[in-house]
Amino acid sequence: MQLTKHGHACVVLSDGDRRLVLDPGSLTEESAWTGASAVLVTHEHFDHLDVGRTKQALAEDPALEVWTNRSVAEQLDGGSRVHVVGDGDAFTAAGFEVTAHGEHHAVIHPDVPTILNTGFLVDGQVFHPGDALTAPGVAVPTLLLPLHAPWSKVSELVDYLREVAAPQAYAVHDGLLNDIGLQAIGGMVGEKGPGSPSTYHRLAPGESVQL
């Protein structure tokens, strides 16, 4: 399986001609959509879901399907090709075996309503939690770590890495950081930090790695 970063929270997992797109939001590079076989969306925030672009992709490719939670599905109004899933569900998307984990977005502030958020574990290999520090409760070889958000702090990220205990972690959700922030937070969750079982990596936009 190949992992390619496409800006901020979006990655593409590919194997041969199968391309599974996760969280293609408004900050996502257009190249993420090329050859898309299926799409997973963790939640409705703009940086994870571009409603207009997703509807366009569904219209352009009658074979394209989306798996997501109820609130996102209602916005897409994609009929039978938009599948509603939630915590504990298992399904096959573009030939990848996927399980859904978690129910809610991390708390931004007590006065901000909490929305649905569904993390996805793909082929038992790669876990994308969306905007929550959900531990899937099973072994995870590769964790996609939400590096920076209005709802997070570094100590929580370190504890999350320790809880999931994935051998390797790749940064996502880093589009709001400048180079100084990337270095500072990356250092804290990496080898210069207080320590975790995960080896930390960050891919540049468009960069790929073979898992």
Protein backbone atom coordinates (compact mmCIF):
# COMPACT_ATOMS: atom_id res chain seq x y z
CA MET A 1 0.00 0.00 0.00
CA GLN A 2 1.26 3.47 -0.89
CA LEU A 3 0.45 6.52 1.25
CA THR A 4 0.46 9.94 -0.43
CA LYS A 5 -0.10 13.24 1.36
CA HIS A 6 -2.27 15.75 -0.50
CA GLY A 7 -2.24 18.72 1.82
CA HIS A 8 -3.48 19.29 5.37
CA ALA A 9 -5.78 16.39 6.36
CA CYS A 10 -6.04 14.52 3.05
CA VAL A 11 -4.16 11.36 2.15
CA VAL A 12 -4.59 8.84 -0.65
CA LEU A 13 -3.99 5.14 -0.06
CA SER A 14 -3.29 3.27 -3.28
CA ASP A 15 -2.60 -0.27 -4.39
CA GLY A 16 -2.29 -0.81 -8.11
CA ASP A 17 -5.14 1.10 -9.74
CA ARG A 18 -7.16 1.30 -6.51
CA ARG A 19 -7.10 4.77 -4.95
CA LEU A 20 -8.87 5.46 -1.65
CA VAL A 21 -9.12 9.18 -0.84
CA LEU A 22 -9.49 10.20 2.81
CA ASP A 23 -10.75 13.64 3.87
CA PRO A 24 -10.45 15.69 0.67
CA GLY A 25 -11.41 19.10 2.05
CA SER A 26 -11.07 22.64 0.81
CA LEU A 27 -7.34 22.71 1.60
CA THR A 28 -6.70 19.56 -0.46
CA GLU A 29 -4.63 19.54 -3.64
CA GLU A 30 -6.69 18.85 -6.75
CA SER A 31 -4.38 15.95 -7.61
CA ALA A 32 -5.97 13.92 -4.80
CA TRP A 33 -9.06 13.40 -6.96
CA THR A 34 -7.20 11.95 -9.95
CA GLY A 35 -8.28 8.36 -10.46
CA ALA A 36 -10.21 8.25 -7.17
CA SER A 37 -11.89 4.86 -6.65
CA ALA A 38 -13.65 5.67 -3.36
CA VAL A 39 -13.75 8.42 -0.74
CA LEU A 40 -13.88 8.35 3.06
CA VAL A 41 -14.87 11.50 4.98
CA THR A 42 -14.43 11.65 8.76
CA HIS A 43 -16.57 14.76 9.40
CA GLU A 44 -18.17 17.86 7.98
CA HIS A 45 -15.61 20.63 8.63
CA PHE A 46 -14.42 22.45 5.50
CA ASP A 47 -10.83 21.27 5.80
CA HIS A 48 -12.02 17.64 5.62
CA LEU A 49 -15.06 17.96 3.35
CA ASP A 50 -15.46 20.06 0.21
CA VAL A 51 -19.14 19.54 -0.52
CA GLY A 52 -19.08 21.11 -3.99
CA ARG A 53 -15.97 19.27 -5.16
CA THR A 54 -17.23 15.95 -3.81
CA LYS A 55 -20.59 16.35 -5.54
CA GLN A 56 -18.71 17.19 -8.74
CA ALA A 57 -16.62 14.03 -8.44
CA LEU A 58 -19.75 11.92 -7.90
CA ALA A 59 -21.37 13.49 -10.97
CA GLU A 60 -18.28 12.94 -13.13
CA ASP A 61 -17.75 9.30 -12.15
CA PRO A 62 -20.86 7.11 -11.81
CA ALA A 63 -18.73 4.39 -10.16
CA LEU A 64 -17.40 6.61 -7.36
CA GLU A 65 -18.72 5.89 -3.85
CA VAL A 66 -18.37 7.70 -0.51
CA TRP A 67 -18.45 6.33 3.03
CA THR A 68 -19.03 8.77 5.88
CA ASN A 69 -21.24 9.60 8.85
CA ARG A 70 -24.85 10.71 8.78
CA SER A 71 -24.26 14.49 8.95
CA VAL A 72 -21.87 14.49 5.98
CA ALA A 73 -24.10 12.18 3.95
CA GLU A 74 -27.03 14.56 4.40
CA GLN A 75 -24.98 17.41 2.93
CA LEU A 76 -23.82 15.37 -0.06
CA ASP A 77 -27.28 14.02 -0.92
CA GLY A 78 -25.60 11.44 -3.13
CA GLY A 79 -28.24 8.73 -3.01
CA SER A 80 -27.19 5.10 -2.85
CA ARG A 81 -23.54 5.87 -3.61
CA VAL A 82 -23.08 7.75 -0.31
CA HIS A 83 -23.00 5.18 2.50
CA VAL A 84 -23.66 6.08 6.14
CA VAL A 85 -21.37 4.33 8.62
CA GLY A 86 -20.58 4.68 12.30
CA ASP A 87 -18.55 3.30 15.16
CA GLY A 88 -18.10 -0.47 14.90
CA ASP A 89 -19.12 -0.79 11.24
CA ALA A 90 -16.99 -2.72 8.74
CA PHE A 91 -17.15 -2.37 4.96
CA THR A 92 -15.15 -2.67 1.75
CA ALA A 93 -14.23 0.46 -0.22
CA ALA A 94 -12.28 0.19 -3.48
CA GLY A 95 -11.21 -3.29 -2.41
CA PHE A 96 -9.81 -2.07 0.94
CA GLU A 97 -11.24 -3.50 4.15
CA VAL A 98 -12.26 -0.61 6.42
CA THR A 99 -13.54 -0.39 9.99
CA ALA A 100 -15.09 2.71 11.55
CA HIS A 101 -14.08 3.96 15.01
CA GLY A 102 -15.33 6.76 17.24
CA GLU A 103 -18.42 8.94 17.25
CA HIS A 104 -17.60 12.54 18.10
CA HIS A 105 -15.28 15.37 17.13
CA ALA A 106 -12.88 16.51 19.85
CA VAL A 107 -14.27 19.27 22.07
CA ILE A 108 -13.19 22.67 20.76
CA HIS A 109 -14.91 24.57 23.58
CA PRO A 110 -17.86 23.67 25.82
CA ASP A 111 -19.91 26.37 24.08
CA VAL A 112 -19.21 24.97 20.58
CA PRO A 113 -21.55 22.13 19.58
CA THR A 114 -19.79 18.79 19.14
CA ILE A 115 -20.35 17.18 15.74
CA LEU A 116 -20.03 13.60 14.50
CA ASN A 117 -16.55 12.32 13.66
CA THR A 118 -15.73 8.85 12.34
CA GLY A 119 -12.18 7.51 12.22
CA PHE A 120 -11.23 4.89 9.63
CA LEU A 121 -8.81 1.97 9.88
CA VAL A 122 -7.88 0.77 6.39
CA ASP A 123 -6.80 -2.84 5.78
CA GLY A 124 -5.78 -3.03 9.44
CA GLN A 125 -2.76 -0.91 8.47
CA VAL A 126 -3.51 2.83 8.49
CA PHE A 127 -5.74 4.74 10.92
CA HIS A 128 -7.09 8.22 10.15
CA PRO A 129 -8.85 9.56 13.27
CA GLY A 130 -10.19 12.76 11.70
CA ASP A 131 -10.52 15.48 14.33
CA ALA A 132 -10.45 13.31 17.44
CA LEU A 133 -7.87 11.41 19.42
CA THR A 134 -9.73 8.13 19.07
CA ALA A 135 -7.90 4.95 20.01
CA PRO A 136 -9.33 2.17 17.84
CA GLY A 137 -8.62 -0.53 20.41
CA VAL A 138 -6.71 -2.73 17.99
CA ALA A 139 -3.11 -2.81 16.78
CA VAL A 140 -2.36 0.01 14.35
CA PRO A 141 0.86 -0.18 12.31
CA THR A 142 0.55 3.39 10.93
CA LEU A 143 -1.22 6.26 12.66
CA LEU A 144 -2.11 9.50 10.89
CA LEU A 145 -1.53 12.03 13.66
CA PRO A 146 -3.54 15.30 13.67
CA LEU A 147 -0.56 17.49 14.43
CA HIS A 148 -2.28 20.80 15.12
CA ALA A 149 -5.84 22.02 15.62
CA PRO A 150 -7.83 24.56 17.66
CA TRP A 151 -8.87 21.70 19.93
CA SER A 152 -5.49 20.07 20.62
CA LYS A 153 -2.37 20.54 22.69
CA VAL A 154 1.00 18.83 22.50
CA SER A 155 0.66 16.88 25.76
CA GLU A 156 -2.51 15.26 24.42
CA LEU A 157 -0.73 14.27 21.22
CA VAL A 158 2.09 12.61 23.15
CA ASP A 159 -0.41 10.72 25.31
CA TYR A 160 -2.34 9.70 22.19
CA LEU A 161 0.80 8.32 20.55
CA ARG A 162 1.52 6.34 23.68
CA GLU A 163 -2.04 5.00 23.86
CA VAL A 164 -2.27 3.86 20.24
CA ALA A 165 1.35 2.67 20.28
CA ALA A 166 1.66 2.53 16.51
CA PRO A 167 5.19 1.74 15.28
CA GLN A 168 5.04 4.77 12.98
CA ALA A 169 3.05 8.00 12.84
CA TYR A 170 2.68 10.41 9.92
CA ALA A 171 1.57 14.00 10.40
CA VAL A 172 -1.74 15.21 9.03
CA HIS A 173 -3.84 18.26 9.91
CA ASP A 174 -0.79 20.51 9.73
CA GLY A 175 -1.93 23.09 7.19
CA LEU A 176 -2.30 25.90 9.74
CA LEU A 177 1.33 25.73 10.86
CA ASN A 178 4.25 27.70 9.47
CA ASP A 179 7.75 26.23 9.31
CA ILE A 180 8.51 27.27 12.90
CA GLY A 181 5.37 25.59 14.21
CA LEU A 182 6.01 22.43 12.22
CA GLN A 183 9.51 22.19 13.68
CA ALA A 184 8.40 22.95 17.24
CA ILE A 185 5.45 20.55 17.42
CA GLY A 186 7.16 17.93 15.29
CA GLY A 187 10.05 17.96 17.72
CA MET A 188 7.78 17.41 20.69
CA VAL A 189 6.06 14.37 19.18
CA GLY A 190 9.28 13.10 17.63
CA GLU A 191 12.61 11.98 19.01
CA LYS A 192 13.30 15.31 20.76
CA GLY A 193 10.09 15.12 22.78
CA PRO A 194 9.23 13.29 26.01
CA GLY A 195 9.04 10.00 24.15
CA SER A 196 6.52 7.67 22.54
CA PRO A 197 6.57 4.23 20.90
CA SER A 198 5.98 5.77 17.45
CA THR A 199 8.56 6.92 14.94
CA TYR A 200 7.32 10.31 13.71
CA HIS A 201 7.38 11.37 10.05
CA ARG A 202 5.98 14.25 8.05
CA LEU A 203 5.39 14.03 4.32
CA ALA A 204 5.47 17.14 2.14
CA PRO A 205 2.40 17.73 -0.04
CA GLY A 206 2.50 15.26 -2.93
CA GLU A 207 5.12 13.08 -1.25
CA SER A 208 4.52 9.32 -1.02
CA VAL A 209 5.80 6.42 1.05
CA GLN A 210 5.39 2.68 0.63
CA LEU A 211 3.93 1.03 3.73
